[in-house]
Amino acid sequence: MSFFEQTLAELDQVETLIQLERYLIQFSELPHIDWCCFIVHRDSTSYIGSVPDGVKQKLTLAALKQVCQHCYKPSWSGSEKLTKVTLPQASLLIPIVTSRPDHACLILGFTNQNVEPKFAEKLGWFWQIVGTYVYDTYRRLNETEPGVEVRLTPREIECIHWAAHGKTSWEISRILSITERTVNFHLTNSMQKTGSSNRQQLIHNYMNSM
């Protein structure tokens, strides 16, 4: 089974929004990819996956609409089509065709700052197909899961993900390029949201929700 076929098959198995978020975060473990985020606006804007904190402030609803209306193919950061959207260096924005009133896109951040834009845009055609399936999965989950009592943020998901891999707070801080104090802050918030008394129970509760 190819990576593409495996990805689509695994998306079909996703049953909750938390599972979808964790699945997208795993893309950041692929070679050359630093982060991956699916952004969709319906009644509000949702960021599903991992994303640098600054991107949320830059990619406003107005900017997202501009991208979806004028970008019909994957676009490299710095492209003329993205003049009104400031993205982190070495990132690829992939617009997704949606049903109204949704606006959505998939953004990939690359670890290598010297990636050739033409190569990245060709790679984007593959990810555009994946992005369409991600959006279809999101719609399916919203129809079957209209309300989620425990809603962890992307950063909280990332911290739990690495904690589940046996990483200490300090190691997680190095991986995510944030302070150890911030890691502990996100883990503490996650414990409160999930009713966990310690880190081990948090990981157990999170894994059971997958």
N, C-alpha and C. Protein backbone atom coordinates (compact mmCIF):
# COMPACT_ATOMS: atom_id res chain seq x y z
N MET A 1 0.85 -1.19 0.00
CA MET A 1 0.00 0.00 0.00
C MET A 1 0.89 1.25 0.00
N SER A 2 0.61 2.19 -0.90
CA SER A 2 1.41 3.41 -0.97
C SER A 2 1.10 4.32 0.21
N PHE A 3 1.97 5.32 0.43
CA PHE A 3 1.74 6.29 1.50
C PHE A 3 0.42 7.00 1.29
N PHE A 4 0.12 7.33 0.05
CA PHE A 4 -1.13 8.02 -0.27
C PHE A 4 -2.33 7.15 0.09
N GLU A 5 -2.32 5.90 -0.34
CA GLU A 5 -3.43 4.99 -0.06
C GLU A 5 -3.57 4.76 1.44
N GLN A 6 -2.43 4.64 2.13
CA GLN A 6 -2.46 4.42 3.57
C GLN A 6 -3.05 5.63 4.29
N THR A 7 -2.68 6.83 3.83
CA THR A 7 -3.19 8.05 4.44
C THR A 7 -4.71 8.13 4.32
N LEU A 8 -5.23 7.87 3.14
CA LEU A 8 -6.67 7.94 2.93
C LEU A 8 -7.40 6.87 3.73
N ALA A 9 -6.81 5.68 3.82
CA ALA A 9 -7.43 4.61 4.60
C ALA A 9 -7.46 4.97 6.08
N GLU A 10 -6.39 5.58 6.57
CA GLU A 10 -6.32 5.96 7.98
C GLU A 10 -7.29 7.09 8.30
N LEU A 11 -7.47 8.02 7.37
CA LEU A 11 -8.44 9.09 7.59
C LEU A 11 -9.86 8.53 7.69
N ASP A 12 -10.14 7.47 6.96
CA ASP A 12 -11.46 6.83 7.03
C ASP A 12 -11.71 6.23 8.41
N GLN A 13 -10.63 5.92 9.15
CA GLN A 13 -10.76 5.30 10.47
C GLN A 13 -10.87 6.33 11.59
N VAL A 14 -10.64 7.60 11.27
CA VAL A 14 -10.71 8.65 12.30
C VAL A 14 -12.15 8.83 12.75
N GLU A 15 -12.37 8.83 14.07
CA GLU A 15 -13.73 8.86 14.61
C GLU A 15 -14.03 10.10 15.45
N THR A 16 -13.02 10.88 15.82
CA THR A 16 -13.26 12.08 16.62
C THR A 16 -12.37 13.21 16.11
N LEU A 17 -12.73 14.44 16.47
CA LEU A 17 -11.91 15.59 16.08
C LEU A 17 -10.54 15.54 16.75
N ILE A 18 -10.49 15.00 17.96
CA ILE A 18 -9.21 14.87 18.65
C ILE A 18 -8.31 13.91 17.89
N GLN A 19 -8.88 12.81 17.41
CA GLN A 19 -8.10 11.87 16.61
C GLN A 19 -7.58 12.54 15.33
N LEU A 20 -8.43 13.34 14.69
CA LEU A 20 -8.01 14.03 13.48
C LEU A 20 -6.87 14.98 13.77
N GLU A 21 -6.96 15.69 14.88
CA GLU A 21 -5.90 16.62 15.25
C GLU A 21 -4.58 15.89 15.49
N ARG A 22 -4.66 14.81 16.22
CA ARG A 22 -3.44 14.04 16.51
C ARG A 22 -2.87 13.45 15.22
N TYR A 23 -3.74 13.04 14.32
CA TYR A 23 -3.26 12.45 13.06
C TYR A 23 -2.49 13.49 12.25
N LEU A 24 -2.99 14.70 12.19
CA LEU A 24 -2.31 15.75 11.43
C LEU A 24 -0.99 16.14 12.08
N ILE A 25 -0.94 16.11 13.41
CA ILE A 25 0.31 16.42 14.10
C ILE A 25 1.39 15.42 13.73
N GLN A 26 0.99 14.17 13.49
CA GLN A 26 1.97 13.15 13.14
C GLN A 26 2.66 13.43 11.80
N PHE A 27 2.03 14.22 10.94
CA PHE A 27 2.68 14.57 9.68
C PHE A 27 3.97 15.35 9.92
N SER A 28 4.06 16.03 11.06
CA SER A 28 5.26 16.80 11.36
C SER A 28 6.46 15.90 11.63
N GLU A 29 6.22 14.59 11.76
CA GLU A 29 7.31 13.65 11.96
C GLU A 29 7.88 13.15 10.63
N LEU A 30 7.23 13.53 9.52
CA LEU A 30 7.74 13.15 8.21
C LEU A 30 9.00 13.96 7.88
N PRO A 31 9.88 13.42 7.05
CA PRO A 31 11.10 14.15 6.67
C PRO A 31 10.75 15.50 6.03
N HIS A 32 11.46 16.53 6.45
CA HIS A 32 11.38 17.87 5.87
C HIS A 32 10.15 18.66 6.31
N ILE A 33 9.16 18.02 6.95
CA ILE A 33 7.97 18.76 7.37
C ILE A 33 8.05 19.07 8.86
N ASP A 34 7.93 20.35 9.19
CA ASP A 34 8.05 20.80 10.57
C ASP A 34 6.70 20.87 11.26
N TRP A 35 5.68 21.27 10.52
CA TRP A 35 4.33 21.35 11.09
C TRP A 35 3.29 21.27 9.98
N CYS A 36 2.08 20.87 10.37
CA CYS A 36 0.98 20.72 9.42
C CYS A 36 -0.31 21.14 10.12
N CYS A 37 -1.07 22.01 9.48
CA CYS A 37 -2.30 22.49 10.11
C CYS A 37 -3.42 22.62 9.08
N PHE A 38 -4.59 22.11 9.44
CA PHE A 38 -5.80 22.27 8.65
C PHE A 38 -6.59 23.41 9.27
N ILE A 39 -6.91 24.42 8.48
CA ILE A 39 -7.63 25.59 8.99
C ILE A 39 -8.97 25.66 8.27
N VAL A 40 -10.04 25.77 9.04
CA VAL A 40 -11.37 25.83 8.44
C VAL A 40 -12.20 26.85 9.21
N HIS A 41 -12.97 27.63 8.47
CA HIS A 41 -13.88 28.59 9.10
C HIS A 41 -15.31 28.24 8.73
N ARG A 42 -16.11 28.05 9.76
CA ARG A 42 -17.54 27.85 9.57
C ARG A 42 -18.22 28.93 10.40
N ASP A 43 -18.66 28.62 11.59
CA ASP A 43 -19.16 29.66 12.49
C ASP A 43 -18.00 30.37 13.18
N SER A 44 -16.90 29.67 13.31
CA SER A 44 -15.68 30.23 13.87
C SER A 44 -14.51 29.55 13.17
N THR A 45 -13.30 30.06 13.43
CA THR A 45 -12.12 29.49 12.78
C THR A 45 -11.50 28.42 13.65
N SER A 46 -11.28 27.24 13.08
CA SER A 46 -10.67 26.12 13.80
C SER A 46 -9.29 25.84 13.21
N TYR A 47 -8.32 25.63 14.10
CA TYR A 47 -6.96 25.26 13.69
C TYR A 47 -6.72 23.84 14.17
N ILE A 48 -6.65 22.89 13.26
CA ILE A 48 -6.54 21.48 13.62
C ILE A 48 -5.19 20.97 13.15
N GLY A 49 -4.36 20.57 14.10
CA GLY A 49 -3.00 20.14 13.81
C GLY A 49 -2.02 20.98 14.60
N SER A 50 -0.80 21.06 14.14
CA SER A 50 0.21 21.89 14.80
C SER A 50 0.46 23.12 13.95
N VAL A 51 0.61 24.25 14.60
CA VAL A 51 0.80 25.50 13.87
C VAL A 51 1.55 26.48 14.76
N PRO A 52 2.52 27.22 14.22
CA PRO A 52 3.20 28.24 15.02
C PRO A 52 2.20 29.25 15.55
N ASP A 53 2.42 29.71 16.77
CA ASP A 53 1.47 30.61 17.41
C ASP A 53 1.18 31.85 16.56
N GLY A 54 2.20 32.38 15.89
CA GLY A 54 2.01 33.61 15.13
C GLY A 54 1.11 33.47 13.92
N VAL A 55 0.97 32.25 13.40
CA VAL A 55 0.15 32.04 12.20
C VAL A 55 -1.31 32.35 12.48
N LYS A 56 -1.78 32.03 13.66
CA LYS A 56 -3.18 32.26 14.00
C LYS A 56 -3.54 33.74 13.92
N GLN A 57 -2.59 34.60 14.32
CA GLN A 57 -2.85 36.03 14.27
C GLN A 57 -2.78 36.55 12.84
N LYS A 58 -1.92 35.95 12.02
CA LYS A 58 -1.73 36.44 10.65
C LYS A 58 -2.81 35.95 9.70
N LEU A 59 -3.24 34.71 9.88
CA LEU A 59 -4.23 34.15 8.96
C LEU A 59 -5.63 34.37 9.53
N THR A 60 -6.10 35.60 9.44
CA THR A 60 -7.41 35.98 9.93
C THR A 60 -8.48 35.46 8.98
N LEU A 61 -9.74 35.62 9.38
CA LEU A 61 -10.84 35.18 8.51
C LEU A 61 -10.79 35.90 7.17
N ALA A 62 -10.53 37.22 7.20
CA ALA A 62 -10.47 37.99 5.96
C ALA A 62 -9.36 37.47 5.05
N ALA A 63 -8.20 37.16 5.65
CA ALA A 63 -7.08 36.63 4.87
C ALA A 63 -7.40 35.24 4.33
N LEU A 64 -8.07 34.42 5.15
CA LEU A 64 -8.43 33.07 4.72
C LEU A 64 -9.40 33.13 3.54
N LYS A 65 -10.36 34.03 3.60
CA LYS A 65 -11.31 34.18 2.48
C LYS A 65 -10.58 34.63 1.22
N GLN A 66 -9.62 35.55 1.40
CA GLN A 66 -8.87 36.05 0.25
C GLN A 66 -8.08 34.93 -0.42
N VAL A 67 -7.50 34.08 0.41
CA VAL A 67 -6.74 32.95 -0.10
C VAL A 67 -7.65 31.99 -0.86
N CYS A 68 -8.78 31.65 -0.25
CA CYS A 68 -9.68 30.67 -0.85
C CYS A 68 -10.32 31.17 -2.14
N GLN A 69 -10.49 32.49 -2.25
CA GLN A 69 -11.13 33.05 -3.43
C GLN A 69 -10.17 33.26 -4.59
N HIS A 70 -8.88 33.48 -4.27
CA HIS A 70 -7.94 33.86 -5.32
C HIS A 70 -6.83 32.84 -5.55
N CYS A 71 -6.66 31.88 -4.67
CA CYS A 71 -5.63 30.85 -4.85
C CYS A 71 -6.31 29.53 -5.21
N TYR A 72 -6.06 29.05 -6.40
CA TYR A 72 -6.69 27.82 -6.84
C TYR A 72 -5.72 26.65 -6.86
N LYS A 73 -4.47 26.92 -6.57
CA LYS A 73 -3.47 25.86 -6.55
C LYS A 73 -2.51 26.11 -5.39
N PRO A 74 -1.76 25.09 -4.97
CA PRO A 74 -0.80 25.25 -3.87
C PRO A 74 0.14 26.43 -4.13
N SER A 75 0.36 27.24 -3.10
CA SER A 75 1.19 28.44 -3.26
C SER A 75 2.26 28.50 -2.19
N TRP A 76 3.48 28.80 -2.60
CA TRP A 76 4.62 28.90 -1.70
C TRP A 76 4.59 30.24 -0.98
N SER A 77 5.06 30.28 0.27
CA SER A 77 5.11 31.53 1.01
C SER A 77 5.94 32.55 0.22
N GLY A 78 5.45 33.75 0.15
CA GLY A 78 6.14 34.78 -0.63
C GLY A 78 5.61 34.90 -2.04
N SER A 79 4.70 34.02 -2.43
CA SER A 79 4.10 34.07 -3.76
C SER A 79 3.30 35.35 -3.94
N GLU A 80 3.21 35.82 -5.17
CA GLU A 80 2.43 37.03 -5.45
C GLU A 80 0.97 36.85 -5.07
N LYS A 81 0.50 35.61 -5.11
CA LYS A 81 -0.90 35.36 -4.77
C LYS A 81 -1.15 35.47 -3.27
N LEU A 82 -0.07 35.51 -2.50
CA LEU A 82 -0.21 35.58 -1.05
C LEU A 82 0.28 36.91 -0.51
N THR A 83 0.19 37.96 -1.33
CA THR A 83 0.71 39.26 -0.91
C THR A 83 -0.03 39.81 0.31
N LYS A 84 -1.28 39.42 0.49
CA LYS A 84 -2.06 39.93 1.62
C LYS A 84 -2.01 38.99 2.82
N VAL A 85 -1.28 37.89 2.68
CA VAL A 85 -1.17 36.92 3.77
C VAL A 85 0.30 36.70 4.09
N THR A 86 0.68 37.01 5.33
CA THR A 86 2.07 36.84 5.74
C THR A 86 2.22 35.49 6.41
N LEU A 87 2.91 34.57 5.75
CA LEU A 87 3.12 33.23 6.29
C LEU A 87 4.57 33.07 6.72
N PRO A 88 4.84 32.12 7.61
CA PRO A 88 6.23 31.86 7.99
C PRO A 88 7.05 31.45 6.77
N GLN A 89 8.33 31.74 6.83
CA GLN A 89 9.21 31.35 5.73
C GLN A 89 9.17 29.84 5.53
N ALA A 90 9.32 29.41 4.28
CA ALA A 90 9.34 27.99 3.93
C ALA A 90 8.06 27.28 4.34
N SER A 91 6.92 27.80 3.89
CA SER A 91 5.64 27.14 4.15
C SER A 91 4.83 27.10 2.86
N LEU A 92 3.96 26.13 2.78
CA LEU A 92 3.15 25.90 1.58
C LEU A 92 1.68 25.94 1.95
N LEU A 93 0.93 26.82 1.30
CA LEU A 93 -0.50 26.95 1.56
C LEU A 93 -1.27 26.24 0.46
N ILE A 94 -2.17 25.34 0.88
CA ILE A 94 -2.92 24.51 -0.07
C ILE A 94 -4.41 24.81 0.10
N PRO A 95 -5.01 25.54 -0.84
CA PRO A 95 -6.45 25.83 -0.74
C PRO A 95 -7.26 24.56 -0.95
N ILE A 96 -8.42 24.49 -0.31
CA ILE A 96 -9.28 23.31 -0.41
C ILE A 96 -10.66 23.76 -0.90
N VAL A 97 -11.16 23.08 -1.90
CA VAL A 97 -12.50 23.37 -2.39
C VAL A 97 -13.50 22.86 -1.36
N THR A 98 -14.37 23.74 -0.89
CA THR A 98 -15.31 23.39 0.18
C THR A 98 -16.75 23.67 -0.26
N SER A 99 -17.66 23.19 0.55
CA SER A 99 -19.07 23.54 0.36
C SER A 99 -19.35 24.81 1.15
N ARG A 100 -20.19 25.66 0.65
CA ARG A 100 -20.52 26.89 1.36
C ARG A 100 -21.21 26.59 2.67
N PRO A 101 -21.00 27.40 3.72
CA PRO A 101 -20.22 28.64 3.76
C PRO A 101 -18.78 28.44 4.23
N ASP A 102 -18.26 27.23 4.16
CA ASP A 102 -16.93 26.95 4.69
C ASP A 102 -15.82 27.57 3.84
N HIS A 103 -14.72 27.91 4.52
CA HIS A 103 -13.46 28.29 3.87
C HIS A 103 -12.39 27.45 4.54
N ALA A 104 -11.52 26.82 3.76
CA ALA A 104 -10.54 25.92 4.38
C ALA A 104 -9.25 25.86 3.56
N CYS A 105 -8.18 25.53 4.25
CA CYS A 105 -6.89 25.32 3.59
C CYS A 105 -6.02 24.44 4.48
N LEU A 106 -5.00 23.87 3.88
CA LEU A 106 -4.01 23.08 4.60
C LEU A 106 -2.68 23.81 4.45
N ILE A 107 -1.94 23.96 5.55
CA ILE A 107 -0.65 24.64 5.49
C ILE A 107 0.44 23.70 6.01
N LEU A 108 1.53 23.60 5.26
CA LEU A 108 2.68 22.80 5.66
C LEU A 108 3.87 23.72 5.89
N GLY A 109 4.57 23.51 7.00
CA GLY A 109 5.80 24.24 7.26
C GLY A 109 6.98 23.31 7.07
N PHE A 110 8.00 23.76 6.38
CA PHE A 110 9.16 22.93 6.06
C PHE A 110 10.34 23.25 6.97
N THR A 111 11.06 22.22 7.38
CA THR A 111 12.24 22.41 8.23
C THR A 111 13.39 23.00 7.44
N ASN A 112 13.49 22.64 6.17
CA ASN A 112 14.56 23.14 5.32
C ASN A 112 14.15 24.47 4.70
N GLN A 113 14.84 25.55 5.09
CA GLN A 113 14.49 26.87 4.60
C GLN A 113 14.86 27.06 3.12
N ASN A 114 15.62 26.12 2.56
CA ASN A 114 16.10 26.25 1.19
C ASN A 114 15.35 25.36 0.21
N VAL A 115 14.17 24.91 0.60
CA VAL A 115 13.36 24.09 -0.30
C VAL A 115 13.02 24.90 -1.56
N GLU A 116 13.19 24.29 -2.72
CA GLU A 116 12.86 24.97 -3.97
C GLU A 116 11.34 25.17 -4.07
N PRO A 117 10.88 26.41 -4.25
CA PRO A 117 9.44 26.66 -4.34
C PRO A 117 8.74 25.82 -5.39
N LYS A 118 9.37 25.62 -6.57
CA LYS A 118 8.72 24.83 -7.62
C LYS A 118 8.53 23.39 -7.18
N PHE A 119 9.54 22.85 -6.48
CA PHE A 119 9.41 21.48 -5.97
C PHE A 119 8.30 21.41 -4.93
N ALA A 120 8.25 22.40 -4.04
CA ALA A 120 7.24 22.41 -2.98
C ALA A 120 5.84 22.51 -3.57
N GLU A 121 5.68 23.32 -4.62
CA GLU A 121 4.37 23.47 -5.23
C GLU A 121 3.93 22.19 -5.94
N LYS A 122 4.88 21.48 -6.54
CA LYS A 122 4.55 20.18 -7.13
C LYS A 122 4.13 19.20 -6.05
N LEU A 123 4.85 19.24 -4.93
CA LEU A 123 4.49 18.40 -3.79
C LEU A 123 3.10 18.77 -3.29
N GLY A 124 2.76 20.03 -3.44
CA GLY A 124 1.47 20.52 -2.98
C GLY A 124 0.29 19.87 -3.66
N TRP A 125 0.45 19.45 -4.92
CA TRP A 125 -0.66 18.80 -5.60
C TRP A 125 -1.04 17.50 -4.91
N PHE A 126 -0.03 16.78 -4.41
CA PHE A 126 -0.31 15.56 -3.64
C PHE A 126 -1.06 15.91 -2.37
N TRP A 127 -0.57 16.94 -1.67
CA TRP A 127 -1.19 17.32 -0.40
C TRP A 127 -2.56 17.94 -0.60
N GLN A 128 -2.83 18.48 -1.78
CA GLN A 128 -4.15 19.04 -2.03
C GLN A 128 -5.20 17.94 -2.03
N ILE A 129 -4.84 16.78 -2.57
CA ILE A 129 -5.75 15.64 -2.53
C ILE A 129 -5.96 15.19 -1.08
N VAL A 130 -4.85 15.12 -0.33
CA VAL A 130 -4.95 14.75 1.08
C VAL A 130 -5.82 15.77 1.82
N GLY A 131 -5.60 17.07 1.53
CA GLY A 131 -6.37 18.12 2.19
C GLY A 131 -7.86 17.98 1.95
N THR A 132 -8.23 17.58 0.73
CA THR A 132 -9.64 17.37 0.42
C THR A 132 -10.23 16.26 1.28
N TYR A 133 -9.48 15.20 1.48
CA TYR A 133 -9.93 14.10 2.33
C TYR A 133 -9.98 14.53 3.80
N VAL A 134 -9.04 15.38 4.21
CA VAL A 134 -9.07 15.90 5.58
C VAL A 134 -10.34 16.71 5.79
N TYR A 135 -10.68 17.54 4.82
CA TYR A 135 -11.91 18.34 4.92
C TYR A 135 -13.15 17.45 4.94
N ASP A 136 -13.18 16.42 4.10
CA ASP A 136 -14.31 15.49 4.11
C ASP A 136 -14.43 14.79 5.46
N THR A 137 -13.28 14.45 6.04
CA THR A 137 -13.27 13.83 7.37
C THR A 137 -13.81 14.80 8.41
N TYR A 138 -13.39 16.05 8.33
CA TYR A 138 -13.87 17.09 9.25
C TYR A 138 -15.39 17.24 9.15
N ARG A 139 -15.91 17.28 7.94
CA ARG A 139 -17.36 17.40 7.76
C ARG A 139 -18.09 16.19 8.34
N ARG A 140 -17.55 15.02 8.09
CA ARG A 140 -18.17 13.80 8.62
C ARG A 140 -18.21 13.82 10.14
N LEU A 141 -17.13 14.25 10.76
CA LEU A 141 -17.06 14.28 12.22
C LEU A 141 -17.98 15.34 12.79
N ASN A 142 -18.12 16.46 12.11
CA ASN A 142 -19.01 17.51 12.59
C ASN A 142 -20.47 17.09 12.52
N GLU A 143 -20.79 16.24 11.58
CA GLU A 143 -22.17 15.75 11.47
C GLU A 143 -22.49 14.74 12.56
N THR A 144 -21.48 13.95 12.94
CA THR A 144 -21.70 12.90 13.95
C THR A 144 -21.27 13.33 15.34
N GLU A 145 -20.50 14.42 15.41
CA GLU A 145 -19.97 14.87 16.69
C GLU A 145 -20.14 16.38 16.81
N PRO A 146 -21.40 16.86 16.93
CA PRO A 146 -21.65 18.29 16.94
C PRO A 146 -21.07 19.00 18.15
N GLY A 147 -20.89 18.29 19.24
CA GLY A 147 -20.33 18.92 20.43
C GLY A 147 -19.26 18.06 21.05
N VAL A 148 -18.14 18.66 21.40
CA VAL A 148 -17.05 17.94 22.03
C VAL A 148 -16.80 18.56 23.40
N GLU A 149 -17.06 17.81 24.45
CA GLU A 149 -16.95 18.37 25.79
C GLU A 149 -15.52 18.77 26.12
N VAL A 150 -14.57 17.90 25.80
CA VAL A 150 -13.18 18.19 26.08
C VAL A 150 -12.52 18.64 24.79
N ARG A 151 -12.14 19.90 24.74
CA ARG A 151 -11.53 20.45 23.53
C ARG A 151 -10.12 20.94 23.86
N LEU A 152 -9.14 20.14 23.48
CA LEU A 152 -7.75 20.49 23.72
C LEU A 152 -7.24 21.35 22.56
N THR A 153 -6.38 22.31 22.88
CA THR A 153 -5.80 23.15 21.84
C THR A 153 -4.73 22.37 21.09
N PRO A 154 -4.37 22.82 19.87
CA PRO A 154 -3.30 22.14 19.13
C PRO A 154 -2.01 22.04 19.92
N ARG A 155 -1.63 23.09 20.65
CA ARG A 155 -0.39 23.05 21.42
C ARG A 155 -0.49 22.06 22.57
N GLU A 156 -1.67 21.97 23.20
CA GLU A 156 -1.85 20.98 24.27
C GLU A 156 -1.74 19.57 23.71
N ILE A 157 -2.33 19.36 22.53
CA ILE A 157 -2.24 18.05 21.87
C ILE A 157 -0.78 17.69 21.59
N GLU A 158 -0.01 18.66 21.11
CA GLU A 158 1.40 18.41 20.81
C GLU A 158 2.16 18.01 22.06
N CYS A 159 1.93 18.72 23.16
CA CYS A 159 2.64 18.43 24.41
C CYS A 159 2.30 17.03 24.91
N ILE A 160 1.02 16.66 24.86
CA ILE A 160 0.62 15.32 25.30
C ILE A 160 1.22 14.27 24.37
N HIS A 161 1.22 14.57 23.08
CA HIS A 161 1.76 13.63 22.08
C HIS A 161 3.20 13.27 22.42
N TRP A 162 4.02 14.27 22.71
CA TRP A 162 5.43 14.00 23.00
C TRP A 162 5.61 13.41 24.40
N ALA A 163 4.74 13.80 25.34
CA ALA A 163 4.79 13.21 26.68
C ALA A 163 4.49 11.71 26.59
N ALA A 164 3.56 11.35 25.70
CA ALA A 164 3.21 9.94 25.51
C ALA A 164 4.37 9.16 24.91
N HIS A 165 5.28 9.88 24.25
CA HIS A 165 6.48 9.25 23.69
C HIS A 165 7.63 9.23 24.70
N GLY A 166 7.31 9.55 25.97
CA GLY A 166 8.31 9.47 27.02
C GLY A 166 9.21 10.68 27.16
N LYS A 167 8.86 11.78 26.50
CA LYS A 167 9.69 12.98 26.57
C LYS A 167 9.40 13.77 27.85
N THR A 168 10.45 14.32 28.44
CA THR A 168 10.29 15.19 29.60
C THR A 168 9.83 16.57 29.15
N SER A 169 9.42 17.39 30.11
CA SER A 169 8.99 18.75 29.76
C SER A 169 10.10 19.52 29.07
N TRP A 170 11.33 19.33 29.56
CA TRP A 170 12.46 20.04 28.95
C TRP A 170 12.68 19.57 27.51
N GLU A 171 12.59 18.25 27.28
CA GLU A 171 12.77 17.72 25.93
C GLU A 171 11.67 18.20 24.99
N ILE A 172 10.44 18.27 25.51
CA ILE A 172 9.32 18.76 24.70
C ILE A 172 9.54 20.23 24.34
N SER A 173 10.06 20.99 25.29
CA SER A 173 10.31 22.42 25.03
C SER A 173 11.32 22.60 23.92
N ARG A 174 12.32 21.71 23.86
CA ARG A 174 13.33 21.80 22.79
C ARG A 174 12.70 21.45 21.44
N ILE A 175 11.84 20.44 21.44
CA ILE A 175 11.21 19.99 20.19
C ILE A 175 10.27 21.06 19.63
N LEU A 176 9.49 21.69 20.52
CA LEU A 176 8.48 22.65 20.09
C LEU A 176 8.98 24.09 20.07
N SER A 177 10.23 24.29 20.52
CA SER A 177 10.82 25.64 20.55
C SER A 177 10.02 26.59 21.43
N ILE A 178 9.61 26.09 22.59
CA ILE A 178 8.95 26.92 23.59
C ILE A 178 9.64 26.66 24.92
N THR A 179 9.28 27.42 25.95
CA THR A 179 9.93 27.25 27.24
C THR A 179 9.37 26.03 27.98
N GLU A 180 10.17 25.51 28.90
CA GLU A 180 9.72 24.38 29.71
C GLU A 180 8.50 24.78 30.54
N ARG A 181 8.50 26.02 30.99
CA ARG A 181 7.37 26.52 31.78
C ARG A 181 6.08 26.50 30.95
N THR A 182 6.19 26.86 29.67
CA THR A 182 5.02 26.84 28.79
C THR A 182 4.52 25.42 28.57
N VAL A 183 5.44 24.47 28.44
CA VAL A 183 5.05 23.06 28.29
C VAL A 183 4.25 22.61 29.51
N ASN A 184 4.77 22.91 30.70
CA ASN A 184 4.08 22.52 31.93
C ASN A 184 2.71 23.20 32.03
N PHE A 185 2.63 24.44 31.55
CA PHE A 185 1.37 25.17 31.56
C PHE A 185 0.33 24.44 30.70
N HIS A 186 0.74 24.03 29.50
CA HIS A 186 -0.19 23.33 28.60
C HIS A 186 -0.59 21.96 29.16
N LEU A 187 0.36 21.26 29.76
CA LEU A 187 0.04 19.95 30.33
C LEU A 187 -0.90 20.09 31.53
N THR A 188 -0.69 21.12 32.34
CA THR A 188 -1.57 21.36 33.48
C THR A 188 -2.98 21.68 33.02
N ASN A 189 -3.10 22.54 32.00
CA ASN A 189 -4.42 22.85 31.45
C ASN A 189 -5.10 21.60 30.91
N SER A 190 -4.32 20.75 30.26
CA SER A 190 -4.87 19.51 29.71
C SER A 190 -5.38 18.59 30.81
N MET A 191 -4.65 18.53 31.91
CA MET A 191 -5.08 17.69 33.04
C MET A 191 -6.39 18.20 33.62
N GLN A 192 -6.53 19.52 33.70
CA GLN A 192 -7.77 20.10 34.23
C GLN A 192 -8.94 19.81 33.30
N LYS A 193 -8.72 19.93 31.99
CA LYS A 193 -9.79 19.70 31.02
C LYS A 193 -10.26 18.25 30.99
N THR A 194 -9.31 17.32 31.18
CA THR A 194 -9.64 15.90 31.08
C THR A 194 -9.91 15.26 32.44
N GLY A 195 -9.79 16.05 33.52
CA GLY A 195 -10.02 15.51 34.85
C GLY A 195 -8.94 14.54 35.28
N SER A 196 -7.72 14.74 34.79
CA SER A 196 -6.60 13.86 35.13
C SER A 196 -5.85 14.40 36.34
N SER A 197 -5.43 13.51 37.21
CA SER A 197 -4.74 13.93 38.43
C SER A 197 -3.23 14.03 38.25
N ASN A 198 -2.69 13.40 37.20
CA ASN A 198 -1.25 13.47 36.95
C ASN A 198 -0.98 13.24 35.46
N ARG A 199 0.30 13.32 35.10
CA ARG A 199 0.66 13.21 33.69
C ARG A 199 0.35 11.82 33.13
N GLN A 200 0.58 10.78 33.93
CA GLN A 200 0.32 9.42 33.47
C GLN A 200 -1.16 9.21 33.16
N GLN A 201 -2.01 9.72 34.05
CA GLN A 201 -3.45 9.58 33.82
C GLN A 201 -3.89 10.41 32.61
N LEU A 202 -3.26 11.58 32.43
CA LEU A 202 -3.56 12.41 31.27
C LEU A 202 -3.26 11.66 29.98
N ILE A 203 -2.10 11.03 29.92
CA ILE A 203 -1.72 10.28 28.72
C ILE A 203 -2.68 9.11 28.51
N HIS A 204 -3.03 8.43 29.61
CA HIS A 204 -3.96 7.29 29.52
C HIS A 204 -5.31 7.75 28.99
N ASN A 205 -5.85 8.85 29.54
CA ASN A 205 -7.15 9.35 29.10
C ASN A 205 -7.11 9.79 27.65
N TYR A 206 -6.00 10.41 27.28
CA TYR A 206 -5.87 10.90 25.90
C TYR A 206 -5.79 9.73 24.91
N MET A 207 -5.01 8.71 25.27
CA MET A 207 -4.86 7.56 24.38
C MET A 207 -6.19 6.83 24.23
N ASN A 208 -6.99 6.80 25.28
CA ASN A 208 -8.29 6.12 25.22
C ASN A 208 -9.28 6.86 24.32
N SER A 209 -9.05 8.19 24.14
CA SER A 209 -9.96 8.98 23.31
C SER A 209 -9.61 8.88 21.84
N MET A 210 -8.49 8.23 21.54
CA MET A 210 -8.03 8.13 20.15
C MET A 210 -8.88 7.13 19.36
